[in-house]
Amino acid sequence: AAKKERKKAKEPNQYTEPFNTTLSNSEELQGHSKTLESPDPRITDPR
C-alpha cells in the first residue's frame, strides 16, 4: 500500500516542466537534473 501511494504522489510531478528553448544547454541540463532529484532520497527514480 505504501508503494502504491508513493507512485501516485510522484506521477503528477514528473516531466511537468518542458525544456526551455531559450536557455543554454548547461542551464537546461541543470534544471532537468533538479526535476530528476526526488525530495525523498529513499524514493528511487528509474531514470
All heavy atoms as atom14 arrays in JSON, in Angstrom:
{
  "sequence": "AAKKERKKAKEPNQYTEPFNTTLSNSEELQGHSKTLESPDPRITDPR",
  "atom14_mask": [
    [1, 1, 1, 1, 1, 0, 0, 0, 0, 0, 0, 0, 0, 0],
    [1, 1, 1, 1, 1, 0, 0, 0, 0, 0, 0, 0, 0, 0],
    [1, 1, 1, 1, 1, 1, 1, 1, 1, 0, 0, 0, 0, 0],
    [1, 1, 1, 1, 1, 1, 1, 1, 1, 0, 0, 0, 0, 0],
    [1, 1, 1, 1, 1, 1, 1, 1, 1, 0, 0, 0, 0, 0],
    [1, 1, 1, 1, 1, 1, 1, 1, 1, 1, 1, 0, 0, 0],
    [1, 1, 1, 1, 1, 1, 1, 1, 1, 0, 0, 0, 0, 0],
    [1, 1, 1, 1, 1, 1, 1, 1, 1, 0, 0, 0, 0, 0],
    [1, 1, 1, 1, 1, 0, 0, 0, 0, 0, 0, 0, 0, 0],
    [1, 1, 1, 1, 1, 1, 1, 1, 1, 0, 0, 0, 0, 0],
    [1, 1, 1, 1, 1, 1, 1, 1, 1, 0, 0, 0, 0, 0],
    [1, 1, 1, 1, 1, 1, 1, 0, 0, 0, 0, 0, 0, 0],
    [1, 1, 1, 1, 1, 1, 1, 1, 0, 0, 0, 0, 0, 0],
    [1, 1, 1, 1, 1, 1, 1, 1, 1, 0, 0, 0, 0, 0],
    [1, 1, 1, 1, 1, 1, 1, 1, 1, 1, 1, 1, 0, 0],
    [1, 1, 1, 1, 1, 1, 1, 0, 0, 0, 0, 0, 0, 0],
    [1, 1, 1, 1, 1, 1, 1, 1, 1, 0, 0, 0, 0, 0],
    [1, 1, 1, 1, 1, 1, 1, 0, 0, 0, 0, 0, 0, 0],
    [1, 1, 1, 1, 1, 1, 1, 1, 1, 1, 1, 0, 0, 0],
    [1, 1, 1, 1, 1, 1, 1, 1, 0, 0, 0, 0, 0, 0],
    [1, 1, 1, 1, 1, 1, 1, 0, 0, 0, 0, 0, 0, 0],
    [1, 1, 1, 1, 1, 1, 1, 0, 0, 0, 0, 0, 0, 0],
    [1, 1, 1, 1, 1, 1, 1, 1, 0, 0, 0, 0, 0, 0],
    [1, 1, 1, 1, 1, 1, 0, 0, 0, 0, 0, 0, 0, 0],
    [1, 1, 1, 1, 1, 1, 1, 1, 0, 0, 0, 0, 0, 0],
    [1, 1, 1, 1, 1, 1, 0, 0, 0, 0, 0, 0, 0, 0],
    [1, 1, 1, 1, 1, 1, 1, 1, 1, 0, 0, 0, 0, 0],
    [1, 1, 1, 1, 1, 1, 1, 1, 1, 0, 0, 0, 0, 0],
    [1, 1, 1, 1, 1, 1, 1, 1, 0, 0, 0, 0, 0, 0],
    [1, 1, 1, 1, 1, 1, 1, 1, 1, 0, 0, 0, 0, 0],
    [1, 1, 1, 1, 0, 0, 0, 0, 0, 0, 0, 0, 0, 0],
    [1, 1, 1, 1, 1, 1, 1, 1, 1, 1, 0, 0, 0, 0],
    [1, 1, 1, 1, 1, 1, 0, 0, 0, 0, 0, 0, 0, 0],
    [1, 1, 1, 1, 1, 1, 1, 1, 1, 0, 0, 0, 0, 0],
    [1, 1, 1, 1, 1, 1, 1, 0, 0, 0, 0, 0, 0, 0],
    [1, 1, 1, 1, 1, 1, 1, 1, 0, 0, 0, 0, 0, 0],
    [1, 1, 1, 1, 1, 1, 1, 1, 1, 0, 0, 0, 0, 0],
    [1, 1, 1, 1, 1, 1, 0, 0, 0, 0, 0, 0, 0, 0],
    [1, 1, 1, 1, 1, 1, 1, 0, 0, 0, 0, 0, 0, 0],
    [1, 1, 1, 1, 1, 1, 1, 1, 0, 0, 0, 0, 0, 0],
    [1, 1, 1, 1, 1, 1, 1, 0, 0, 0, 0, 0, 0, 0],
    [1, 1, 1, 1, 1, 1, 1, 1, 1, 1, 1, 0, 0, 0],
    [1, 1, 1, 1, 1, 1, 1, 1, 0, 0, 0, 0, 0, 0],
    [1, 1, 1, 1, 1, 1, 1, 0, 0, 0, 0, 0, 0, 0],
    [1, 1, 1, 1, 1, 1, 1, 1, 0, 0, 0, 0, 0, 0],
    [1, 1, 1, 1, 1, 1, 1, 0, 0, 0, 0, 0, 0, 0],
    [1, 1, 1, 1, 1, 1, 1, 1, 1, 1, 1, 0, 0, 0]
  ],
  "atom14_positions": [
    [[0.82, -1.2, 0.0], [0.0, 0.0, 0.0], [0.86, 1.26, 0.0], [0.58, 2.24, -0.7], [-0.92, -0.01, 1.21], [0.0, 0.0, 0.0], [0.0, 0.0, 0.0], [0.0, 0.0, 0.0], [0.0, 0.0, 0.0], [0.0, 0.0, 0.0], [0.0, 0.0, 0.0], [0.0, 0.0, 0.0], [0.0, 0.0, 0.0], [0.0, 0.0, 0.0]],
    [[1.9, 1.24, 0.75], [2.8, 2.41, 0.78], [3.46, 2.63, -0.56], [3.66, 3.76, -1.01], [3.84, 2.22, 1.87], [0.0, 0.0, 0.0], [0.0, 0.0, 0.0], [0.0, 0.0, 0.0], [0.0, 0.0, 0.0], [0.0, 0.0, 0.0], [0.0, 0.0, 0.0], [0.0, 0.0, 0.0], [0.0, 0.0, 0.0], [0.0, 0.0, 0.0]],
    [[3.8, 1.55, -1.27], [4.44, 1.67, -2.59], [3.49, 2.31, -3.59], [3.87, 3.15, -4.4], [4.89, 0.29, -3.05], [5.77, 0.32, -4.29], [6.27, -1.06, -4.59], [7.17, -1.03, -5.81], [7.69, -2.39, -6.13], [0.0, 0.0, 0.0], [0.0, 0.0, 0.0], [0.0, 0.0, 0.0], [0.0, 0.0, 0.0], [0.0, 0.0, 0.0]],
    [[2.18, 1.89, -3.53], [1.2, 2.47, -4.45], [1.01, 3.96, -4.14], [0.88, 4.76, -5.07], [-0.13, 1.73, -4.3], [-0.09, 0.33, -4.87], [-1.44, -0.35, -4.73], [-1.43, -1.76, -5.3], [-2.77, -2.43, -5.15], [0.0, 0.0, 0.0], [0.0, 0.0, 0.0], [0.0, 0.0, 0.0], [0.0, 0.0, 0.0], [0.0, 0.0, 0.0]],
    [[0.99, 4.33, -2.9], [0.83, 5.74, -2.56], [2.01, 6.57, -3.05], [1.84, 7.7, -3.51], [0.68, 5.87, -1.03], [-0.65, 5.32, -0.52], [-0.75, 5.44, 0.98], [0.26, 5.93, 1.58], [-1.79, 5.04, 1.56], [0.0, 0.0, 0.0], [0.0, 0.0, 0.0], [0.0, 0.0, 0.0], [0.0, 0.0, 0.0], [0.0, 0.0, 0.0]],
    [[3.22, 6.04, -2.97], [4.38, 6.78, -3.46], [4.32, 6.99, -4.95], [4.67, 8.04, -5.47], [5.68, 6.02, -3.09], [6.05, 6.15, -1.61], [7.5, 5.75, -1.38], [7.74, 4.37, -1.79], [7.65, 3.32, -1.0], [7.25, 3.49, 0.28], [7.87, 2.11, -1.44], [0.0, 0.0, 0.0], [0.0, 0.0, 0.0], [0.0, 0.0, 0.0]],
    [[3.86, 5.98, -5.7], [3.75, 6.12, -7.15], [2.72, 7.18, -7.52], [2.91, 8.0, -8.4], [3.37, 4.78, -7.76], [4.52, 3.79, -7.78], [4.1, 2.51, -8.49], [5.24, 1.51, -8.55], [4.86, 0.27, -9.25], [0.0, 0.0, 0.0], [0.0, 0.0, 0.0], [0.0, 0.0, 0.0], [0.0, 0.0, 0.0], [0.0, 0.0, 0.0]],
    [[1.57, 7.17, -6.8], [0.52, 8.15, -7.1], [1.01, 9.57, -6.77], [0.69, 10.52, -7.46], [-0.74, 7.85, -6.28], [-1.45, 6.59, -6.75], [-2.69, 6.32, -5.91], [-3.42, 5.06, -6.38], [-4.63, 4.77, -5.55], [0.0, 0.0, 0.0], [0.0, 0.0, 0.0], [0.0, 0.0, 0.0], [0.0, 0.0, 0.0], [0.0, 0.0, 0.0]],
    [[1.76, 9.68, -5.69], [2.25, 11.01, -5.32], [3.33, 11.5, -6.28], [3.53, 12.7, -6.45], [2.77, 10.98, -3.89], [0.0, 0.0, 0.0], [0.0, 0.0, 0.0], [0.0, 0.0, 0.0], [0.0, 0.0, 0.0], [0.0, 0.0, 0.0], [0.0, 0.0, 0.0], [0.0, 0.0, 0.0], [0.0, 0.0, 0.0], [0.0, 0.0, 0.0]],
    [[4.02, 10.62, -6.95], [5.13, 11.0, -7.83], [4.68, 11.28, -9.25], [5.27, 12.08, -9.96], [6.18, 9.89, -7.82], [7.43, 10.24, -8.59], [8.5, 9.19, -8.4], [7.97, 7.84, -8.88], [8.99, 6.8, -8.82], [0.0, 0.0, 0.0], [0.0, 0.0, 0.0], [0.0, 0.0, 0.0], [0.0, 0.0, 0.0], [0.0, 0.0, 0.0]],
    [[3.62, 10.72, -9.76], [3.21, 10.85, -11.15], [2.85, 12.27, -11.55], [3.26, 12.72, -12.62], [2.03, 9.92, -11.4], [2.46, 8.47, -11.51], [1.25, 7.56, -11.68], [0.12, 8.08, -11.66], [1.46, 6.36, -11.83], [0.0, 0.0, 0.0], [0.0, 0.0, 0.0], [0.0, 0.0, 0.0], [0.0, 0.0, 0.0], [0.0, 0.0, 0.0]],
    [[2.11, 13.08, -10.81], [1.81, 14.43, -11.27], [3.02, 15.35, -11.35], [2.98, 16.35, -12.03], [0.79, 14.93, -10.24], [0.95, 14.05, -9.06], [1.39, 12.74, -9.54], [0.0, 0.0, 0.0], [0.0, 0.0, 0.0], [0.0, 0.0, 0.0], [0.0, 0.0, 0.0], [0.0, 0.0, 0.0], [0.0, 0.0, 0.0], [0.0, 0.0, 0.0]],
    [[4.16, 15.04, -10.66], [5.34, 15.91, -10.66], [6.37, 15.56, -11.72], [7.33, 16.28, -11.91], [6.03, 15.86, -9.3], [5.15, 16.44, -8.2], [4.36, 17.34, -8.47], [5.3, 15.91, -7.0], [0.0, 0.0, 0.0], [0.0, 0.0, 0.0], [0.0, 0.0, 0.0], [0.0, 0.0, 0.0], [0.0, 0.0, 0.0], [0.0, 0.0, 0.0]],
    [[6.24, 14.43, -12.41], [7.25, 14.02, -13.38], [7.01, 14.67, -14.73], [5.89, 14.67, -15.23], [7.23, 12.49, -13.55], [7.85, 11.77, -12.36], [7.85, 10.27, -12.61], [7.22, 9.82, -13.54], [8.53, 9.54, -11.75], [0.0, 0.0, 0.0], [0.0, 0.0, 0.0], [0.0, 0.0, 0.0], [0.0, 0.0, 0.0], [0.0, 0.0, 0.0]],
    [[8.1, 15.23, -15.33], [8.13, 15.77, -16.68], [7.09, 16.85, -16.89], [6.48, 16.97, -17.94], [7.91, 14.66, -17.73], [8.78, 13.46, -17.5], [8.22, 12.25, -17.1], [10.16, 13.57, -17.64], [9.01, 11.16, -16.89], [10.96, 12.48, -17.42], [10.37, 11.28, -17.05], [11.17, 10.18, -16.83], [0.0, 0.0, 0.0], [0.0, 0.0, 0.0]],
    [[6.71, 17.64, -15.84], [5.74, 18.73, -15.98], [6.37, 19.97, -16.57], [5.69, 20.81, -17.14], [5.13, 19.06, -14.6], [6.19, 19.37, -13.69], [4.34, 17.88, -14.07], [0.0, 0.0, 0.0], [0.0, 0.0, 0.0], [0.0, 0.0, 0.0], [0.0, 0.0, 0.0], [0.0, 0.0, 0.0], [0.0, 0.0, 0.0], [0.0, 0.0, 0.0]],
    [[7.71, 20.11, -16.42], [8.37, 21.32, -16.89], [9.14, 20.99, -18.16], [10.1, 20.23, -18.13], [9.34, 21.82, -15.81], [10.02, 23.14, -16.22], [10.93, 23.62, -15.12], [10.96, 22.97, -14.04], [11.63, 24.6, -15.33], [0.0, 0.0, 0.0], [0.0, 0.0, 0.0], [0.0, 0.0, 0.0], [0.0, 0.0, 0.0], [0.0, 0.0, 0.0]],
    [[8.72, 21.48, -19.32], [9.43, 21.19, -20.57], [10.72, 21.99, -20.63], [10.94, 22.94, -19.91], [8.43, 21.65, -21.64], [7.67, 22.74, -20.99], [7.55, 22.36, -19.54], [0.0, 0.0, 0.0], [0.0, 0.0, 0.0], [0.0, 0.0, 0.0], [0.0, 0.0, 0.0], [0.0, 0.0, 0.0], [0.0, 0.0, 0.0], [0.0, 0.0, 0.0]],
    [[11.59, 21.55, -21.57], [12.85, 22.26, -21.77], [12.58, 23.61, -22.38], [11.78, 23.75, -23.31], [13.78, 21.45, -22.69], [14.32, 20.23, -22.02], [13.88, 18.97, -22.41], [15.25, 20.35, -21.0], [14.38, 17.85, -21.8], [15.75, 19.22, -20.41], [15.32, 17.97, -20.8], [0.0, 0.0, 0.0], [0.0, 0.0, 0.0], [0.0, 0.0, 0.0]],
    [[13.26, 24.58, -21.87], [13.13, 25.94, -22.37], [14.08, 26.12, -23.52], [15.3, 25.92, -23.37], [13.43, 26.93, -21.24], [13.09, 28.36, -21.66], [12.61, 28.59, -22.77], [13.3, 29.3, -20.74], [0.0, 0.0, 0.0], [0.0, 0.0, 0.0], [0.0, 0.0, 0.0], [0.0, 0.0, 0.0], [0.0, 0.0, 0.0], [0.0, 0.0, 0.0]],
    [[13.53, 26.47, -24.69], [14.38, 26.6, -25.88], [15.27, 27.82, -25.82], [16.26, 27.91, -26.54], [13.48, 26.7, -27.14], [12.58, 27.78, -26.95], [12.72, 25.42, -27.33], [0.0, 0.0, 0.0], [0.0, 0.0, 0.0], [0.0, 0.0, 0.0], [0.0, 0.0, 0.0], [0.0, 0.0, 0.0], [0.0, 0.0, 0.0], [0.0, 0.0, 0.0]],
    [[14.92, 28.76, -24.95], [15.74, 29.97, -24.86], [16.93, 29.81, -23.95], [17.81, 30.65, -23.93], [14.87, 31.14, -24.37], [14.35, 30.81, -23.08], [13.73, 31.39, -25.33], [0.0, 0.0, 0.0], [0.0, 0.0, 0.0], [0.0, 0.0, 0.0], [0.0, 0.0, 0.0], [0.0, 0.0, 0.0], [0.0, 0.0, 0.0], [0.0, 0.0, 0.0]],
    [[16.97, 28.75, -23.16], [18.08, 28.56, -22.23], [19.22, 27.83, -22.92], [19.03, 27.15, -23.93], [17.6, 27.75, -21.02], [16.51, 28.41, -20.17], [16.08, 27.46, -19.06], [16.98, 29.74, -19.59], [0.0, 0.0, 0.0], [0.0, 0.0, 0.0], [0.0, 0.0, 0.0], [0.0, 0.0, 0.0], [0.0, 0.0, 0.0], [0.0, 0.0, 0.0]],
    [[20.35, 27.94, -22.31], [21.52, 27.23, -22.85], [21.45, 25.76, -22.46], [20.64, 25.35, -21.63], [22.8, 27.85, -22.3], [22.84, 27.72, -20.9], [0.0, 0.0, 0.0], [0.0, 0.0, 0.0], [0.0, 0.0, 0.0], [0.0, 0.0, 0.0], [0.0, 0.0, 0.0], [0.0, 0.0, 0.0], [0.0, 0.0, 0.0], [0.0, 0.0, 0.0]],
    [[22.32, 24.97, -23.09], [22.31, 23.52, -22.83], [22.68, 23.23, -21.39], [22.11, 22.33, -20.77], [23.3, 22.84, -23.77], [22.84, 22.95, -25.21], [21.64, 23.09, -25.46], [23.79, 22.89, -26.14], [0.0, 0.0, 0.0], [0.0, 0.0, 0.0], [0.0, 0.0, 0.0], [0.0, 0.0, 0.0], [0.0, 0.0, 0.0], [0.0, 0.0, 0.0]],
    [[23.65, 23.98, -20.87], [24.04, 23.71, -19.48], [22.93, 24.05, -18.52], [22.69, 23.33, -17.55], [25.3, 24.51, -19.14], [25.05, 25.9, -19.28], [0.0, 0.0, 0.0], [0.0, 0.0, 0.0], [0.0, 0.0, 0.0], [0.0, 0.0, 0.0], [0.0, 0.0, 0.0], [0.0, 0.0, 0.0], [0.0, 0.0, 0.0], [0.0, 0.0, 0.0]],
    [[22.16, 25.16, -18.77], [21.07, 25.53, -17.88], [19.94, 24.52, -17.97], [19.31, 24.19, -16.98], [20.57, 26.93, -18.23], [21.6, 28.02, -17.93], [21.1, 29.38, -18.37], [20.06, 29.42, -19.06], [21.77, 30.37, -18.04], [0.0, 0.0, 0.0], [0.0, 0.0, 0.0], [0.0, 0.0, 0.0], [0.0, 0.0, 0.0], [0.0, 0.0, 0.0]],
    [[19.68, 24.05, -19.21], [18.62, 23.05, -19.35], [18.96, 21.78, -18.61], [18.1, 21.19, -17.95], [18.41, 22.75, -20.83], [17.76, 23.92, -21.59], [17.59, 23.59, -23.04], [18.05, 22.5, -23.44], [17.02, 24.39, -23.78], [0.0, 0.0, 0.0], [0.0, 0.0, 0.0], [0.0, 0.0, 0.0], [0.0, 0.0, 0.0], [0.0, 0.0, 0.0]],
    [[20.22, 21.37, -18.71], [20.61, 20.15, -18.03], [20.56, 20.31, -16.53], [20.15, 19.4, -15.82], [22.03, 19.76, -18.45], [22.18, 19.3, -19.91], [23.64, 19.06, -20.23], [21.35, 18.04, -20.15], [0.0, 0.0, 0.0], [0.0, 0.0, 0.0], [0.0, 0.0, 0.0], [0.0, 0.0, 0.0], [0.0, 0.0, 0.0], [0.0, 0.0, 0.0]],
    [[20.94, 21.52, -16.04], [20.88, 21.73, -14.6], [19.44, 21.73, -14.11], [19.12, 21.15, -13.09], [21.54, 23.07, -14.24], [23.05, 23.06, -14.44], [23.65, 24.41, -14.16], [22.93, 25.37, -13.83], [24.97, 24.48, -14.3], [0.0, 0.0, 0.0], [0.0, 0.0, 0.0], [0.0, 0.0, 0.0], [0.0, 0.0, 0.0], [0.0, 0.0, 0.0]],
    [[18.54, 22.39, -14.9], [17.13, 22.4, -14.48], [16.51, 21.04, -14.55], [15.71, 20.66, -13.71], [0.0, 0.0, 0.0], [0.0, 0.0, 0.0], [0.0, 0.0, 0.0], [0.0, 0.0, 0.0], [0.0, 0.0, 0.0], [0.0, 0.0, 0.0], [0.0, 0.0, 0.0], [0.0, 0.0, 0.0], [0.0, 0.0, 0.0], [0.0, 0.0, 0.0]],
    [[16.9, 20.3, -15.58], [16.35, 18.96, -15.72], [16.86, 18.02, -14.64], [16.13, 17.16, -14.15], [16.71, 18.4, -17.09], [16.11, 17.05, -17.33], [14.76, 16.81, -17.36], [16.72, 15.86, -17.57], [14.53, 15.55, -17.61], [15.72, 14.93, -17.73], [0.0, 0.0, 0.0], [0.0, 0.0, 0.0], [0.0, 0.0, 0.0], [0.0, 0.0, 0.0]],
    [[18.11, 18.24, -14.23], [18.63, 17.39, -13.17], [17.93, 17.69, -11.84], [17.76, 16.82, -11.01], [20.13, 17.61, -13.03], [20.39, 18.97, -12.71], [0.0, 0.0, 0.0], [0.0, 0.0, 0.0], [0.0, 0.0, 0.0], [0.0, 0.0, 0.0], [0.0, 0.0, 0.0], [0.0, 0.0, 0.0], [0.0, 0.0, 0.0], [0.0, 0.0, 0.0]],
    [[17.48, 18.95, -11.68], [16.76, 19.28, -10.45], [15.41, 18.59, -10.4], [14.94, 18.17, -9.36], [16.56, 20.79, -10.34], [17.85, 21.54, -10.06], [17.6, 23.03, -10.0], [18.88, 23.79, -9.74], [18.65, 25.26, -9.67], [0.0, 0.0, 0.0], [0.0, 0.0, 0.0], [0.0, 0.0, 0.0], [0.0, 0.0, 0.0], [0.0, 0.0, 0.0]],
    [[14.77, 18.48, -11.57], [13.46, 17.81, -11.59], [13.61, 16.34, -11.34], [12.69, 15.69, -10.85], [12.78, 18.02, -12.95], [13.63, 17.52, -13.97], [12.52, 19.49, -13.19], [0.0, 0.0, 0.0], [0.0, 0.0, 0.0], [0.0, 0.0, 0.0], [0.0, 0.0, 0.0], [0.0, 0.0, 0.0], [0.0, 0.0, 0.0], [0.0, 0.0, 0.0]],
    [[14.83, 15.78, -11.74], [15.02, 14.35, -11.51], [15.29, 14.05, -10.05], [15.14, 12.91, -9.63], [16.18, 13.84, -12.37], [15.94, 13.9, -13.88], [17.19, 13.42, -14.61], [14.74, 13.06, -14.26], [0.0, 0.0, 0.0], [0.0, 0.0, 0.0], [0.0, 0.0, 0.0], [0.0, 0.0, 0.0], [0.0, 0.0, 0.0], [0.0, 0.0, 0.0]],
    [[15.76, 15.04, -9.32], [16.08, 14.79, -7.92], [14.77, 14.65, -7.13], [13.86, 15.48, -7.23], [16.9, 15.95, -7.36], [18.3, 16.05, -7.98], [19.04, 17.22, -7.42], [18.46, 17.95, -6.58], [20.22, 17.41, -7.82], [0.0, 0.0, 0.0], [0.0, 0.0, 0.0], [0.0, 0.0, 0.0], [0.0, 0.0, 0.0], [0.0, 0.0, 0.0]],
    [[14.67, 13.62, -6.36], [13.48, 13.37, -5.54], [13.65, 14.03, -4.2], [14.74, 14.06, -3.64], [13.27, 11.86, -5.38], [12.21, 11.62, -4.51], [0.0, 0.0, 0.0], [0.0, 0.0, 0.0], [0.0, 0.0, 0.0], [0.0, 0.0, 0.0], [0.0, 0.0, 0.0], [0.0, 0.0, 0.0], [0.0, 0.0, 0.0], [0.0, 0.0, 0.0]],
    [[12.54, 14.62, -3.68], [12.67, 15.22, -2.35], [13.02, 14.21, -1.3], [13.63, 14.52, -0.3], [11.29, 15.85, -2.12], [10.38, 15.1, -3.04], [11.17, 14.75, -4.22], [0.0, 0.0, 0.0], [0.0, 0.0, 0.0], [0.0, 0.0, 0.0], [0.0, 0.0, 0.0], [0.0, 0.0, 0.0], [0.0, 0.0, 0.0], [0.0, 0.0, 0.0]],
    [[12.63, 13.0, -1.52], [12.92, 11.96, -0.54], [14.01, 11.06, -1.1], [13.82, 10.41, -2.13], [11.64, 11.16, -0.25], [11.85, 10.19, 0.91], [12.95, 10.2, 1.53], [10.92, 9.43, 1.19], [0.0, 0.0, 0.0], [0.0, 0.0, 0.0], [0.0, 0.0, 0.0], [0.0, 0.0, 0.0], [0.0, 0.0, 0.0], [0.0, 0.0, 0.0]],
    [[15.2, 11.04, -0.52], [16.28, 10.21, -1.08], [15.95, 8.74, -1.03], [16.54, 7.95, -1.75], [17.48, 10.56, -0.2], [16.9, 11.09, 1.05], [15.61, 11.74, 0.7], [0.0, 0.0, 0.0], [0.0, 0.0, 0.0], [0.0, 0.0, 0.0], [0.0, 0.0, 0.0], [0.0, 0.0, 0.0], [0.0, 0.0, 0.0], [0.0, 0.0, 0.0]],
    [[15.02, 8.32, -0.2], [14.68, 6.91, -0.13], [13.86, 6.46, -1.32], [13.78, 5.28, -1.63], [13.92, 6.62, 1.17], [14.77, 6.82, 2.42], [13.93, 6.64, 3.67], [12.87, 7.66, 3.73], [11.94, 7.7, 4.68], [11.91, 6.75, 5.63], [11.02, 8.66, 4.7], [0.0, 0.0, 0.0], [0.0, 0.0, 0.0], [0.0, 0.0, 0.0]],
    [[13.16, 7.4, -2.01], [12.33, 7.04, -3.18], [13.25, 7.01, -4.39], [13.93, 7.99, -4.69], [11.2, 8.07, -3.37], [10.33, 8.12, -2.11], [10.39, 7.73, -4.6], [9.27, 9.2, -2.17], [0.0, 0.0, 0.0], [0.0, 0.0, 0.0], [0.0, 0.0, 0.0], [0.0, 0.0, 0.0], [0.0, 0.0, 0.0], [0.0, 0.0, 0.0]],
    [[13.28, 5.91, -5.14], [14.17, 5.72, -6.29], [13.44, 6.07, -7.56], [12.3, 5.63, -7.78], [14.65, 4.26, -6.35], [13.52, 3.4, -6.45], [15.47, 3.91, -5.12], [0.0, 0.0, 0.0], [0.0, 0.0, 0.0], [0.0, 0.0, 0.0], [0.0, 0.0, 0.0], [0.0, 0.0, 0.0], [0.0, 0.0, 0.0], [0.0, 0.0, 0.0]],
    [[14.11, 6.87, -8.43], [13.57, 7.24, -9.73], [14.21, 6.32, -10.78], [15.44, 6.2, -10.84], [13.91, 8.7, -10.01], [13.27, 9.18, -11.31], [12.51, 8.4, -11.9], [13.56, 10.32, -11.71], [0.0, 0.0, 0.0], [0.0, 0.0, 0.0], [0.0, 0.0, 0.0], [0.0, 0.0, 0.0], [0.0, 0.0, 0.0], [0.0, 0.0, 0.0]],
    [[13.42, 5.65, -11.65], [14.02, 4.74, -12.67], [14.97, 5.48, -13.6], [16.04, 4.97, -13.94], [12.81, 4.19, -13.39], [11.69, 4.32, -12.45], [11.95, 5.56, -11.65], [0.0, 0.0, 0.0], [0.0, 0.0, 0.0], [0.0, 0.0, 0.0], [0.0, 0.0, 0.0], [0.0, 0.0, 0.0], [0.0, 0.0, 0.0], [0.0, 0.0, 0.0]],
    [[14.64, 6.68, -14.06], [15.52, 7.42, -14.99], [16.83, 7.81, -14.31], [17.91, 7.68, -14.89], [14.78, 8.66, -15.49], [15.58, 9.46, -16.52], [14.76, 10.64, -17.01], [15.5, 11.41, -18.01], [15.58, 11.09, -19.29], [14.94, 10.01, -19.74], [16.28, 11.84, -20.13], [0.0, 0.0, 0.0], [0.0, 0.0, 0.0], [0.0, 0.0, 0.0]]
  ]
}
